[in-house]
Amino acid sequence: MYVFKNVPAKVCEQCGEKYFSSKIYGIIDKLLKEKSELDETMVVPVISLKKFTDEAEAIS
């Protein structure tokens, strides 16, 4: 998983949805393919829903 900071987004004038331009997607794709040097790393907590979904299915 990668986190990209300071990514410029556009906003749809009709619905307000935020999106990225194809140019930005191209830059991200290039950075991932080139295995660019990382600016920093971070620890991301992970929670599995398996236990909870198994319990919910057993009840229903």
PDB file of N, CA and C in Angstrom:
ATOM      1  N   MET A   1       0.855  -1.158   0.000  1.00  0.00           N
ATOM      2  CA  MET A   1       0.000   0.000   0.000  1.00  0.00           C
ATOM      3  C   MET A   1       0.906   1.227   0.000  1.00  0.00           C
ATOM      4  N   TYR A   2       0.534   2.202  -0.790  1.00  0.00           N
ATOM      5  CA  TYR A   2       1.258   3.464  -0.851  1.00  0.00           C
ATOM      6  C   TYR A   2       0.317   4.603  -0.486  1.00  0.00           C
ATOM      7  N   VAL A   3       0.849   5.614   0.155  1.00  0.00           N
ATOM      8  CA  VAL A   3       0.095   6.827   0.475  1.00  0.00           C
ATOM      9  C   VAL A   3       0.755   7.970  -0.277  1.00  0.00           C
ATOM     10  N   PHE A   4      -0.025   8.692  -1.033  1.00  0.00           N
ATOM     11  CA  PHE A   4       0.481   9.852  -1.763  1.00  0.00           C
ATOM     12  C   PHE A   4      -0.043  11.115  -1.095  1.00  0.00           C
ATOM     13  N   LYS A   5       0.868  12.027  -0.792  1.00  0.00           N
ATOM     14  CA  LYS A   5       0.488  13.298  -0.172  1.00  0.00           C
ATOM     15  C   LYS A   5       0.477  14.402  -1.218  1.00  0.00           C
ATOM     16  N   ASN A   6      -0.265  15.437  -0.930  1.00  0.00           N
ATOM     17  CA  ASN A   6      -0.298  16.647  -1.766  1.00  0.00           C
ATOM     18  C   ASN A   6      -0.688  16.364  -3.211  1.00  0.00           C
ATOM     19  N   VAL A   7      -1.690  15.521  -3.386  1.00  0.00           N
ATOM     20  CA  VAL A   7      -2.172  15.175  -4.722  1.00  0.00           C
ATOM     21  C   VAL A   7      -3.265  16.167  -5.112  1.00  0.00           C
ATOM     22  N   PRO A   8      -3.044  16.920  -6.183  1.00  0.00           N
ATOM     23  CA  PRO A   8      -4.069  17.889  -6.587  1.00  0.00           C
ATOM     24  C   PRO A   8      -5.309  17.184  -7.140  1.00  0.00           C
ATOM     25  N   ALA A   9      -6.446  17.547  -6.616  1.00  0.00           N
ATOM     26  CA  ALA A   9      -7.712  16.954  -7.057  1.00  0.00           C
ATOM     27  C   ALA A   9      -8.580  18.020  -7.701  1.00  0.00           C
ATOM     28  N   LYS A  10      -9.445  17.566  -8.578  1.00  0.00           N
ATOM     29  CA  LYS A  10     -10.439  18.445  -9.192  1.00  0.00           C
ATOM     30  C   LYS A  10     -11.786  18.134  -8.557  1.00  0.00           C
ATOM     31  N   VAL A  11     -12.745  19.026  -8.733  1.00  0.00           N
ATOM     32  CA  VAL A  11     -14.081  18.832  -8.172  1.00  0.00           C
ATOM     33  C   VAL A  11     -15.105  19.000  -9.291  1.00  0.00           C
ATOM     34  N   CYS A  12     -15.976  18.012  -9.431  1.00  0.00           N
ATOM     35  CA  CYS A  12     -17.045  18.076 -10.432  1.00  0.00           C
ATOM     36  C   CYS A  12     -17.998  19.214 -10.060  1.00  0.00           C
ATOM     37  N   GLU A  13     -18.265  20.083 -11.018  1.00  0.00           N
ATOM     38  CA  GLU A  13     -19.153  21.221 -10.772  1.00  0.00           C
ATOM     39  C   GLU A  13     -20.610  20.801 -10.627  1.00  0.00           C
ATOM     40  N   GLN A  14     -20.976  19.628 -11.174  1.00  0.00           N
ATOM     41  CA  GLN A  14     -22.363  19.179 -11.110  1.00  0.00           C
ATOM     42  C   GLN A  14     -22.690  18.448  -9.807  1.00  0.00           C
ATOM     43  N   CYS A  15     -21.780  17.545  -9.390  1.00  0.00           N
ATOM     44  CA  CYS A  15     -22.114  16.715  -8.221  1.00  0.00           C
ATOM     45  C   CYS A  15     -21.192  16.926  -7.025  1.00  0.00           C
ATOM     46  N   GLY A  16     -20.087  17.635  -7.219  1.00  0.00           N
ATOM     47  CA  GLY A  16     -19.166  17.895  -6.119  1.00  0.00           C
ATOM     48  C   GLY A  16     -18.178  16.771  -5.839  1.00  0.00           C
ATOM     49  N   GLU A  17     -18.207  15.704  -6.646  1.00  0.00           N
ATOM     50  CA  GLU A  17     -17.283  14.587  -6.442  1.00  0.00           C
ATOM     51  C   GLU A  17     -15.854  15.032  -6.756  1.00  0.00           C
ATOM     52  N   LYS A  18     -14.917  14.589  -5.922  1.00  0.00           N
ATOM     53  CA  LYS A  18     -13.507  14.898  -6.144  1.00  0.00           C
ATOM     54  C   LYS A  18     -12.892  13.800  -6.999  1.00  0.00           C
ATOM     55  N   TYR A  19     -11.992  14.204  -7.912  1.00  0.00           N
ATOM     56  CA  TYR A  19     -11.344  13.228  -8.778  1.00  0.00           C
ATOM     57  C   TYR A  19      -9.975  13.740  -9.183  1.00  0.00           C
ATOM     58  N   PHE A  20      -9.156  12.836  -9.742  1.00  0.00           N
ATOM     59  CA  PHE A  20      -7.821  13.185 -10.199  1.00  0.00           C
ATOM     60  C   PHE A  20      -7.794  13.211 -11.720  1.00  0.00           C
ATOM     61  N   SER A  21      -6.992  14.087 -12.265  1.00  0.00           N
ATOM     62  CA  SER A  21      -6.867  14.160 -13.714  1.00  0.00           C
ATOM     63  C   SER A  21      -6.061  12.971 -14.234  1.00  0.00           C
ATOM     64  N   SER A  22      -6.174  12.696 -15.513  1.00  0.00           N
ATOM     65  CA  SER A  22      -5.416  11.586 -16.105  1.00  0.00           C
ATOM     66  C   SER A  22      -3.920  11.855 -15.998  1.00  0.00           C
ATOM     67  N   LYS A  23      -3.513  13.107 -16.010  1.00  0.00           N
ATOM     68  CA  LYS A  23      -2.098  13.447 -15.864  1.00  0.00           C
ATOM     69  C   LYS A  23      -1.585  12.997 -14.492  1.00  0.00           C
ATOM     70  N   ILE A  24      -2.370  13.223 -13.448  1.00  0.00           N
ATOM     71  CA  ILE A  24      -1.982  12.814 -12.101  1.00  0.00           C
ATOM     72  C   ILE A  24      -1.909  11.294 -12.010  1.00  0.00           C
ATOM     73  N   TYR A  25      -2.899  10.592 -12.596  1.00  0.00           N
ATOM     74  CA  TYR A  25      -2.852   9.126 -12.607  1.00  0.00           C
ATOM     75  C   TYR A  25      -1.592   8.637 -13.322  1.00  0.00           C
ATOM     76  N   GLY A  26      -1.217   9.311 -14.397  1.00  0.00           N
ATOM     77  CA  GLY A  26      -0.004   8.948 -15.135  1.00  0.00           C
ATOM     78  C   GLY A  26       1.250   9.118 -14.285  1.00  0.00           C
ATOM     79  N   ILE A  27       1.311  10.207 -13.537  1.00  0.00           N
ATOM     80  CA  ILE A  27       2.463  10.452 -12.660  1.00  0.00           C
ATOM     81  C   ILE A  27       2.539   9.374 -11.582  1.00  0.00           C
ATOM     82  N   ILE A  28       1.411   9.058 -10.960  1.00  0.00           N
ATOM     83  CA  ILE A  28       1.382   8.019  -9.914  1.00  0.00           C
ATOM     84  C   ILE A  28       1.811   6.677 -10.503  1.00  0.00           C
ATOM     85  N   ASP A  29       1.292   6.332 -11.669  1.00  0.00           N
ATOM     86  CA  ASP A  29       1.643   5.071 -12.325  1.00  0.00           C
ATOM     87  C   ASP A  29       3.145   5.002 -12.588  1.00  0.00           C
ATOM     88  N   LYS A  30       3.706   6.086 -13.090  1.00  0.00           N
ATOM     89  CA  LYS A  30       5.142   6.139 -13.373  1.00  0.00           C
ATOM     90  C   LYS A  30       5.962   5.968 -12.092  1.00  0.00           C
ATOM     91  N   LEU A  31       5.570   6.651 -11.018  1.00  0.00           N
ATOM     92  CA  LEU A  31       6.288   6.540  -9.749  1.00  0.00           C
ATOM     93  C   LEU A  31       6.266   5.111  -9.220  1.00  0.00           C
ATOM     94  N   LEU A  32       5.142   4.442  -9.338  1.00  0.00           N
ATOM     95  CA  LEU A  32       5.035   3.062  -8.853  1.00  0.00           C
ATOM     96  C   LEU A  32       5.858   2.097  -9.716  1.00  0.00           C
ATOM     97  N   LYS A  33       5.825   2.271 -11.011  1.00  0.00           N
ATOM     98  CA  LYS A  33       6.570   1.390 -11.908  1.00  0.00           C
ATOM     99  C   LYS A  33       8.075   1.567 -11.750  1.00  0.00           C
ATOM    100  N   GLU A  34       8.515   2.793 -11.467  1.00  0.00           N
ATOM    101  CA  GLU A  34       9.945   3.073 -11.331  1.00  0.00           C
ATOM    102  C   GLU A  34      10.466   2.774  -9.931  1.00  0.00           C
ATOM    103  N   LYS A  35       9.588   2.358  -9.025  1.00  0.00           N
ATOM    104  CA  LYS A  35       9.988   2.094  -7.639  1.00  0.00           C
ATOM    105  C   LYS A  35      10.753   3.294  -7.076  1.00  0.00           C
ATOM    106  N   SER A  36      10.146   4.457  -7.201  1.00  0.00           N
ATOM    107  CA  SER A  36      10.770   5.699  -6.763  1.00  0.00           C
ATOM    108  C   SER A  36      11.140   5.670  -5.287  1.00  0.00           C
ATOM    109  N   GLU A  37      12.128   6.484  -4.947  1.00  0.00           N
ATOM    110  CA  GLU A  37      12.567   6.580  -3.558  1.00  0.00           C
ATOM    111  C   GLU A  37      11.436   7.138  -2.698  1.00  0.00           C
ATOM    112  N   LEU A  38      11.241   6.544  -1.537  1.00  0.00           N
ATOM    113  CA  LEU A  38      10.174   6.966  -0.634  1.00  0.00           C
ATOM    114  C   LEU A  38      10.603   8.190   0.156  1.00  0.00           C
ATOM    115  N   ASP A  39       9.673   9.107   0.385  1.00  0.00           N
ATOM    116  CA  ASP A  39       9.939  10.275   1.219  1.00  0.00           C
ATOM    117  C   ASP A  39       9.893   9.909   2.693  1.00  0.00           C
ATOM    118  N   GLU A  40       9.035   8.963   3.033  1.00  0.00           N
ATOM    119  CA  GLU A  40       8.899   8.510   4.414  1.00  0.00           C
ATOM    120  C   GLU A  40       8.132   7.201   4.419  1.00  0.00           C
ATOM    121  N   THR A  41       8.121   6.540   5.551  1.00  0.00           N
ATOM    122  CA  THR A  41       7.297   5.343   5.732  1.00  0.00           C
ATOM    123  C   THR A  41       6.441   5.548   6.973  1.00  0.00           C
ATOM    124  N   MET A  42       5.362   4.774   7.071  1.00  0.00           N
ATOM    125  CA  MET A  42       4.474   4.889   8.228  1.00  0.00           C
ATOM    126  C   MET A  42       3.935   3.517   8.591  1.00  0.00           C
ATOM    127  N   VAL A  43       3.517   3.384   9.821  1.00  0.00           N
ATOM    128  CA  VAL A  43       2.887   2.164  10.293  1.00  0.00           C
ATOM    129  C   VAL A  43       1.381   2.363  10.162  1.00  0.00           C
ATOM    130  N   VAL A  44       0.704   1.370   9.589  1.00  0.00           N
ATOM    131  CA  VAL A  44      -0.740   1.454   9.391  1.00  0.00           C
ATOM    132  C   VAL A  44      -1.416   0.342  10.177  1.00  0.00           C
ATOM    133  N   PRO A  45      -2.293   0.672  11.112  1.00  0.00           N
ATOM    134  CA  PRO A  45      -3.021  -0.367  11.848  1.00  0.00           C
ATOM    135  C   PRO A  45      -3.948  -1.152  10.901  1.00  0.00           C
ATOM    136  N   VAL A  46      -4.074  -2.436  11.169  1.00  0.00           N
ATOM    137  CA  VAL A  46      -4.929  -3.300  10.345  1.00  0.00           C
ATOM    138  C   VAL A  46      -5.923  -4.001  11.254  1.00  0.00           C
ATOM    139  N   ILE A  47      -7.186  -3.981  10.874  1.00  0.00           N
ATOM    140  CA  ILE A  47      -8.245  -4.670  11.614  1.00  0.00           C
ATOM    141  C   ILE A  47      -8.941  -5.618  10.643  1.00  0.00           C
ATOM    142  N   SER A  48      -9.022  -6.892  11.009  1.00  0.00           N
ATOM    143  CA  SER A  48      -9.713  -7.869  10.182  1.00  0.00           C
ATOM    144  C   SER A  48     -11.184  -7.930  10.591  1.00  0.00           C
ATOM    145  N   LEU A  49     -12.062  -7.920   9.618  1.00  0.00           N
ATOM    146  CA  LEU A  49     -13.496  -8.028   9.895  1.00  0.00           C
ATOM    147  C   LEU A  49     -13.982  -9.473   9.876  1.00  0.00           C
ATOM    148  N   LYS A  50     -13.099 -10.420   9.574  1.00  0.00           N
ATOM    149  CA  LYS A  50     -13.517 -11.809   9.428  1.00  0.00           C
ATOM    150  C   LYS A  50     -14.274 -12.321  10.647  1.00  0.00           C
ATOM    151  N   LYS A  51     -13.741 -12.103  11.840  1.00  0.00           N
ATOM    152  CA  LYS A  51     -14.404 -12.583  13.053  1.00  0.00           C
ATOM    153  C   LYS A  51     -15.818 -12.005  13.164  1.00  0.00           C
ATOM    154  N   PHE A  52     -15.943 -10.734  12.883  1.00  0.00           N
ATOM    155  CA  PHE A  52     -17.231 -10.061  13.030  1.00  0.00           C
ATOM    156  C   PHE A  52     -18.216 -10.473  11.946  1.00  0.00           C
ATOM    157  N   THR A  53     -17.731 -10.669  10.720  1.00  0.00           N
ATOM    158  CA  THR A  53     -18.634 -11.092   9.653  1.00  0.00           C
ATOM    159  C   THR A  53     -19.055 -12.540   9.848  1.00  0.00           C
ATOM    160  N   ASP A  54     -18.147 -13.381  10.364  1.00  0.00           N
ATOM    161  CA  ASP A  54     -18.507 -14.779  10.653  1.00  0.00           C
ATOM    162  C   ASP A  54     -19.604 -14.835  11.729  1.00  0.00           C
ATOM    163  N   GLU A  55     -19.452 -13.995  12.774  1.00  0.00           N
ATOM    164  CA  GLU A  55     -20.448 -13.958  13.840  1.00  0.00           C
ATOM    165  C   GLU A  55     -21.794 -13.456  13.312  1.00  0.00           C
ATOM    166  N   ALA A  56     -21.756 -12.438  12.449  1.00  0.00           N
ATOM    167  CA  ALA A  56     -23.001 -11.871  11.905  1.00  0.00           C
ATOM    168  C   ALA A  56     -23.715 -12.895  11.029  1.00  0.00           C
ATOM    169  N   GLU A  57     -22.949 -13.649  10.255  1.00  0.00           N
ATOM    170  CA  GLU A  57     -23.561 -14.676   9.401  1.00  0.00           C
ATOM    171  C   GLU A  57     -24.154 -15.805  10.229  1.00  0.00           C
ATOM    172  N   ALA A  58     -23.515 -16.136  11.352  1.00  0.00           N
ATOM    173  CA  ALA A  58     -24.022 -17.205  12.213  1.00  0.00           C
ATOM    174  C   ALA A  58     -25.338 -16.813  12.863  1.00  0.00           C
ATOM    175  N   ILE A  59     -25.511 -15.519  13.152  1.00  0.00           N
ATOM    176  CA  ILE A  59     -26.722 -15.031  13.802  1.00  0.00           C
ATOM    177  C   ILE A  59     -27.892 -14.982  12.807  1.00  0.00           C
ATOM    178  N   SER A  60     -27.612 -14.622  11.556  1.00  0.00           N
ATOM    179  CA  SER A  60     -28.707 -14.455  10.590  1.00  0.00           C
ATOM    180  C   SER A  60     -29.119 -15.736   9.918  1.00  0.00           C
TER     181      SER A  60
END
